[in-house]
Amino acid sequence: MPLRAVMAAAGLAGIVALAMPAYSATVGDGGANAPAPREPERIYRTTCGYCHGHNIGPIIRGRALPPEAIEAMVRSGNGAMPAFKPTEITHVELAALARWISTSKADPKEHGQ
């Protein structure tokens, strides 16, 4: 690889490394300024539960859905479900939420599809 290309790549890597702490703090990856993650139950109640279990979206609790599938659906969306960005639900929060939904029991108060 030519020296010029190596130096350009090293410069880009330095810029990325400098930017990562700021990025981490905004998406909840443990940055020093990151707010404490919200509890999965709270996120479900205030965000997911608005549709899921209220005749809008499918019931997702008590179905043992794989956490990876939940995370992918939350990030990409599908049909009427919007995609949620890392600025709306951090990576840390999403991983905890997906595990919580996957292991939660069905709630008899929820109804729907």
N, C-alpha and C. Protein backbone atom coordinates (compact mmCIF):
# COMPACT_ATOMS: atom_id res chain seq x y z
N MET A 1 0.86 -1.16 0.00
CA MET A 1 0.00 0.00 0.00
C MET A 1 0.91 1.24 0.00
N PRO A 2 0.64 2.20 -0.85
CA PRO A 2 1.46 3.40 -0.90
C PRO A 2 1.41 4.16 0.43
N LEU A 3 2.53 4.83 0.75
CA LEU A 3 2.63 5.57 2.01
C LEU A 3 1.53 6.61 2.16
N ARG A 4 1.18 7.28 1.09
CA ARG A 4 0.13 8.30 1.14
C ARG A 4 -1.21 7.69 1.58
N ALA A 5 -1.54 6.50 1.06
CA ALA A 5 -2.79 5.83 1.41
C ALA A 5 -2.78 5.40 2.88
N VAL A 6 -1.62 4.91 3.36
CA VAL A 6 -1.50 4.49 4.75
C VAL A 6 -1.69 5.69 5.67
N MET A 7 -1.08 6.82 5.33
CA MET A 7 -1.21 8.01 6.16
C MET A 7 -2.65 8.54 6.16
N ALA A 8 -3.30 8.49 5.00
CA ALA A 8 -4.69 8.94 4.92
C ALA A 8 -5.59 8.05 5.78
N ALA A 9 -5.36 6.74 5.72
CA ALA A 9 -6.15 5.81 6.53
C ALA A 9 -5.91 6.05 8.02
N ALA A 10 -4.65 6.31 8.39
CA ALA A 10 -4.32 6.57 9.79
C ALA A 10 -5.00 7.86 10.26
N GLY A 11 -5.03 8.86 9.41
CA GLY A 11 -5.69 10.11 9.76
C GLY A 11 -7.18 9.92 9.96
N LEU A 12 -7.81 9.16 9.07
CA LEU A 12 -9.24 8.88 9.19
C LEU A 12 -9.52 8.10 10.47
N ALA A 13 -8.66 7.13 10.78
CA ALA A 13 -8.85 6.35 12.00
C ALA A 13 -8.75 7.24 13.23
N GLY A 14 -7.86 8.21 13.21
CA GLY A 14 -7.73 9.15 14.32
C GLY A 14 -8.97 10.00 14.50
N ILE A 15 -9.53 10.46 13.38
CA ILE A 15 -10.74 11.27 13.44
C ILE A 15 -11.89 10.45 14.01
N VAL A 16 -12.03 9.21 13.55
CA VAL A 16 -13.08 8.33 14.05
C VAL A 16 -12.89 8.08 15.54
N ALA A 17 -11.65 7.83 15.97
CA ALA A 17 -11.38 7.56 17.38
C ALA A 17 -11.73 8.77 18.24
N LEU A 18 -11.44 9.96 17.75
CA LEU A 18 -11.78 11.16 18.50
C LEU A 18 -13.29 11.36 18.59
N ALA A 19 -14.01 10.97 17.56
CA ALA A 19 -15.46 11.18 17.54
C ALA A 19 -16.21 10.14 18.36
N MET A 20 -15.63 8.98 18.59
CA MET A 20 -16.35 7.90 19.26
C MET A 20 -16.83 8.25 20.68
N PRO A 21 -16.05 8.92 21.54
CA PRO A 21 -16.59 9.22 22.86
C PRO A 21 -17.87 10.04 22.80
N ALA A 22 -17.93 11.00 21.90
CA ALA A 22 -19.14 11.82 21.78
C ALA A 22 -20.29 10.97 21.27
N TYR A 23 -20.03 10.09 20.30
CA TYR A 23 -21.07 9.21 19.77
C TYR A 23 -21.56 8.28 20.87
N SER A 24 -20.62 7.70 21.62
CA SER A 24 -21.00 6.77 22.67
C SER A 24 -21.89 7.42 23.71
N ALA A 25 -21.60 8.65 24.05
CA ALA A 25 -22.39 9.34 25.07
C ALA A 25 -23.81 9.58 24.60
N THR A 26 -24.00 9.77 23.29
CA THR A 26 -25.34 10.07 22.80
C THR A 26 -26.18 8.83 22.58
N VAL A 27 -25.56 7.66 22.42
CA VAL A 27 -26.34 6.46 22.16
C VAL A 27 -26.31 5.47 23.33
N GLY A 28 -25.75 5.87 24.45
CA GLY A 28 -25.82 5.02 25.64
C GLY A 28 -24.91 3.83 25.63
N ASP A 29 -23.73 3.96 25.03
CA ASP A 29 -22.79 2.85 25.03
C ASP A 29 -21.76 2.98 26.15
N GLY A 30 -22.12 3.70 27.20
CA GLY A 30 -21.24 3.79 28.34
C GLY A 30 -20.37 5.03 28.36
N GLY A 31 -20.64 6.00 27.53
CA GLY A 31 -19.87 7.23 27.55
C GLY A 31 -20.01 7.90 28.91
N ALA A 32 -19.00 8.70 29.28
CA ALA A 32 -18.97 9.33 30.59
C ALA A 32 -20.19 10.21 30.84
N ASN A 33 -20.75 10.81 29.79
CA ASN A 33 -21.89 11.71 29.94
C ASN A 33 -23.23 11.04 29.65
N ALA A 34 -23.20 9.74 29.45
CA ALA A 34 -24.43 9.03 29.09
C ALA A 34 -25.38 8.99 30.29
N PRO A 35 -26.66 9.24 30.05
CA PRO A 35 -27.64 9.12 31.15
C PRO A 35 -27.81 7.65 31.52
N ALA A 36 -28.28 7.42 32.71
CA ALA A 36 -28.54 6.04 33.13
C ALA A 36 -29.60 5.43 32.23
N PRO A 37 -29.42 4.17 31.85
CA PRO A 37 -30.43 3.51 31.00
C PRO A 37 -31.78 3.43 31.69
N ARG A 38 -32.84 3.56 30.92
CA ARG A 38 -34.19 3.41 31.46
C ARG A 38 -34.48 1.92 31.66
N GLU A 39 -35.34 1.62 32.60
CA GLU A 39 -35.72 0.24 32.89
C GLU A 39 -36.56 -0.31 31.73
N PRO A 40 -36.38 -1.60 31.38
CA PRO A 40 -37.15 -2.19 30.28
C PRO A 40 -38.66 -2.08 30.47
N GLU A 41 -39.12 -2.28 31.70
CA GLU A 41 -40.56 -2.21 31.96
C GLU A 41 -41.11 -0.82 31.64
N ARG A 42 -40.34 0.19 31.99
CA ARG A 42 -40.76 1.57 31.72
C ARG A 42 -40.81 1.84 30.22
N ILE A 43 -39.78 1.39 29.50
CA ILE A 43 -39.76 1.59 28.05
C ILE A 43 -40.95 0.89 27.41
N TYR A 44 -41.21 -0.35 27.83
CA TYR A 44 -42.34 -1.09 27.27
C TYR A 44 -43.65 -0.35 27.56
N ARG A 45 -43.84 0.07 28.80
CA ARG A 45 -45.08 0.73 29.21
C ARG A 45 -45.30 2.04 28.45
N THR A 46 -44.23 2.84 28.28
CA THR A 46 -44.39 4.16 27.69
C THR A 46 -44.23 4.20 26.18
N THR A 47 -43.66 3.18 25.60
CA THR A 47 -43.40 3.19 24.15
C THR A 47 -44.06 2.00 23.46
N CYS A 48 -43.61 0.81 23.77
CA CYS A 48 -44.10 -0.39 23.08
C CYS A 48 -45.57 -0.66 23.39
N GLY A 49 -45.90 -0.57 24.68
CA GLY A 49 -47.24 -0.90 25.13
C GLY A 49 -48.33 -0.01 24.59
N TYR A 50 -47.94 1.12 24.01
CA TYR A 50 -48.92 2.01 23.41
C TYR A 50 -49.68 1.29 22.30
N CYS A 51 -49.00 0.43 21.56
CA CYS A 51 -49.64 -0.32 20.46
C CYS A 51 -49.77 -1.81 20.78
N HIS A 52 -48.69 -2.42 21.30
CA HIS A 52 -48.70 -3.86 21.55
C HIS A 52 -49.55 -4.17 22.77
N GLY A 53 -50.55 -4.98 22.56
CA GLY A 53 -51.46 -5.33 23.63
C GLY A 53 -52.68 -4.44 23.72
N HIS A 54 -52.85 -3.53 22.76
CA HIS A 54 -54.00 -2.63 22.76
C HIS A 54 -54.69 -2.61 21.40
N ASN A 55 -54.78 -3.77 20.77
CA ASN A 55 -55.47 -3.96 19.49
C ASN A 55 -54.88 -3.17 18.33
N ILE A 56 -53.65 -2.72 18.44
CA ILE A 56 -53.01 -2.03 17.31
C ILE A 56 -51.90 -2.91 16.75
N GLY A 57 -50.94 -3.26 17.59
CA GLY A 57 -49.86 -4.16 17.18
C GLY A 57 -50.09 -5.53 17.77
N PRO A 58 -49.32 -6.51 17.33
CA PRO A 58 -49.48 -7.86 17.89
C PRO A 58 -49.02 -7.93 19.34
N ILE A 59 -49.56 -8.87 20.06
CA ILE A 59 -49.10 -9.12 21.43
C ILE A 59 -47.71 -9.74 21.31
N ILE A 60 -46.75 -9.20 22.06
CA ILE A 60 -45.38 -9.70 21.96
C ILE A 60 -44.88 -10.30 23.27
N ARG A 61 -45.55 -10.03 24.37
CA ARG A 61 -45.13 -10.62 25.64
C ARG A 61 -45.68 -12.05 25.75
N GLY A 62 -44.90 -12.90 26.39
CA GLY A 62 -45.32 -14.28 26.60
C GLY A 62 -45.17 -15.16 25.38
N ARG A 63 -44.44 -14.70 24.38
CA ARG A 63 -44.29 -15.49 23.15
C ARG A 63 -42.88 -16.04 22.97
N ALA A 64 -41.98 -15.76 23.89
CA ALA A 64 -40.60 -16.22 23.84
C ALA A 64 -39.93 -15.86 22.51
N LEU A 65 -40.19 -14.65 22.05
CA LEU A 65 -39.55 -14.19 20.81
C LEU A 65 -38.05 -14.05 21.05
N PRO A 66 -37.21 -14.41 20.06
CA PRO A 66 -35.77 -14.28 20.25
C PRO A 66 -35.37 -12.80 20.41
N PRO A 67 -34.53 -12.49 21.39
CA PRO A 67 -34.10 -11.10 21.58
C PRO A 67 -33.52 -10.47 20.32
N GLU A 68 -32.79 -11.26 19.54
CA GLU A 68 -32.18 -10.73 18.30
C GLU A 68 -33.26 -10.29 17.32
N ALA A 69 -34.34 -11.03 17.25
CA ALA A 69 -35.43 -10.67 16.34
C ALA A 69 -36.13 -9.40 16.81
N ILE A 70 -36.27 -9.26 18.12
CA ILE A 70 -36.90 -8.06 18.68
C ILE A 70 -36.03 -6.85 18.37
N GLU A 71 -34.73 -6.97 18.61
CA GLU A 71 -33.81 -5.86 18.34
C GLU A 71 -33.84 -5.46 16.87
N ALA A 72 -33.82 -6.44 15.98
CA ALA A 72 -33.85 -6.15 14.55
C ALA A 72 -35.14 -5.44 14.15
N MET A 73 -36.26 -5.88 14.69
CA MET A 73 -37.55 -5.27 14.37
C MET A 73 -37.61 -3.84 14.89
N VAL A 74 -37.11 -3.62 16.09
CA VAL A 74 -37.14 -2.28 16.67
C VAL A 74 -36.29 -1.32 15.84
N ARG A 75 -35.14 -1.76 15.39
CA ARG A 75 -34.25 -0.89 14.63
C ARG A 75 -34.73 -0.66 13.19
N SER A 76 -35.35 -1.68 12.58
CA SER A 76 -35.72 -1.54 11.17
C SER A 76 -37.20 -1.20 10.96
N GLY A 77 -38.04 -1.50 11.93
CA GLY A 77 -39.47 -1.28 11.75
C GLY A 77 -40.05 -2.27 10.76
N ASN A 78 -41.38 -2.23 10.61
CA ASN A 78 -42.04 -3.13 9.66
C ASN A 78 -43.50 -2.70 9.55
N GLY A 79 -43.94 -2.44 8.36
CA GLY A 79 -45.33 -2.03 8.16
C GLY A 79 -45.65 -0.77 8.94
N ALA A 80 -46.64 -0.85 9.82
CA ALA A 80 -47.06 0.31 10.61
C ALA A 80 -46.10 0.61 11.76
N MET A 81 -45.23 -0.34 12.10
CA MET A 81 -44.30 -0.10 13.20
C MET A 81 -43.13 0.72 12.72
N PRO A 82 -42.87 1.83 13.39
CA PRO A 82 -41.73 2.66 12.98
C PRO A 82 -40.41 2.05 13.46
N ALA A 83 -39.33 2.43 12.82
CA ALA A 83 -38.00 2.07 13.29
C ALA A 83 -37.62 3.06 14.39
N PHE A 84 -36.96 2.57 15.42
CA PHE A 84 -36.51 3.42 16.52
C PHE A 84 -35.00 3.58 16.44
N LYS A 85 -34.55 4.82 16.41
CA LYS A 85 -33.13 5.15 16.28
C LYS A 85 -32.43 5.02 17.64
N PRO A 86 -31.08 4.88 17.61
CA PRO A 86 -30.33 4.83 18.87
C PRO A 86 -30.50 6.08 19.72
N THR A 87 -30.91 7.18 19.13
CA THR A 87 -31.18 8.38 19.93
C THR A 87 -32.52 8.29 20.64
N GLU A 88 -33.38 7.36 20.24
CA GLU A 88 -34.69 7.18 20.87
C GLU A 88 -34.67 6.07 21.91
N ILE A 89 -33.94 5.01 21.61
CA ILE A 89 -33.71 3.92 22.55
C ILE A 89 -32.28 3.45 22.32
N THR A 90 -31.47 3.58 23.34
CA THR A 90 -30.04 3.28 23.20
C THR A 90 -29.82 1.79 22.95
N HIS A 91 -28.61 1.46 22.53
CA HIS A 91 -28.27 0.05 22.30
C HIS A 91 -28.39 -0.75 23.61
N VAL A 92 -27.92 -0.14 24.69
CA VAL A 92 -27.98 -0.80 26.00
C VAL A 92 -29.44 -1.03 26.40
N GLU A 93 -30.26 0.00 26.26
CA GLU A 93 -31.68 -0.12 26.62
C GLU A 93 -32.38 -1.15 25.74
N LEU A 94 -32.07 -1.15 24.45
CA LEU A 94 -32.73 -2.08 23.53
C LEU A 94 -32.37 -3.53 23.86
N ALA A 95 -31.11 -3.78 24.18
CA ALA A 95 -30.70 -5.15 24.53
C ALA A 95 -31.45 -5.62 25.78
N ALA A 96 -31.55 -4.74 26.79
CA ALA A 96 -32.27 -5.11 28.02
C ALA A 96 -33.76 -5.29 27.74
N LEU A 97 -34.34 -4.41 26.94
CA LEU A 97 -35.76 -4.51 26.59
C LEU A 97 -36.04 -5.81 25.84
N ALA A 98 -35.20 -6.15 24.89
CA ALA A 98 -35.41 -7.37 24.10
C ALA A 98 -35.35 -8.60 24.98
N ARG A 99 -34.38 -8.64 25.91
CA ARG A 99 -34.30 -9.77 26.84
C ARG A 99 -35.55 -9.82 27.72
N TRP A 100 -36.01 -8.66 28.20
CA TRP A 100 -37.18 -8.61 29.07
C TRP A 100 -38.43 -9.11 28.34
N ILE A 101 -38.65 -8.63 27.12
CA ILE A 101 -39.82 -9.06 26.34
C ILE A 101 -39.73 -10.56 26.08
N SER A 102 -38.55 -11.03 25.71
CA SER A 102 -38.36 -12.44 25.37
C SER A 102 -38.68 -13.37 26.53
N THR A 103 -38.39 -12.93 27.75
CA THR A 103 -38.60 -13.80 28.91
C THR A 103 -39.86 -13.47 29.70
N SER A 104 -40.58 -12.43 29.28
CA SER A 104 -41.76 -12.02 30.04
C SER A 104 -42.92 -13.00 29.84
N LYS A 105 -43.75 -13.04 30.82
CA LYS A 105 -44.98 -13.84 30.73
C LYS A 105 -46.06 -12.98 30.07
N ALA A 106 -47.04 -13.64 29.50
CA ALA A 106 -48.17 -12.92 28.90
C ALA A 106 -48.89 -12.13 29.98
N ASP A 107 -49.36 -10.98 29.60
CA ASP A 107 -50.13 -10.14 30.52
C ASP A 107 -51.60 -10.31 30.18
N PRO A 108 -52.41 -10.84 31.09
CA PRO A 108 -53.83 -11.07 30.77
C PRO A 108 -54.60 -9.79 30.48
N LYS A 109 -54.06 -8.63 30.88
CA LYS A 109 -54.73 -7.36 30.60
C LYS A 109 -54.52 -6.91 29.15
N GLU A 110 -53.49 -7.47 28.50
CA GLU A 110 -53.25 -7.09 27.10
C GLU A 110 -54.18 -7.86 26.17
N HIS A 111 -54.60 -7.24 25.12
CA HIS A 111 -55.48 -7.89 24.15
C HIS A 111 -55.09 -7.42 22.76
N GLY A 112 -55.45 -8.17 21.79
CA GLY A 112 -55.14 -7.79 20.41
C GLY A 112 -54.85 -8.98 19.55
N GLN A 113 -54.01 -8.74 18.60
CA GLN A 113 -53.70 -9.75 17.57
C GLN A 113 -52.86 -10.86 18.10
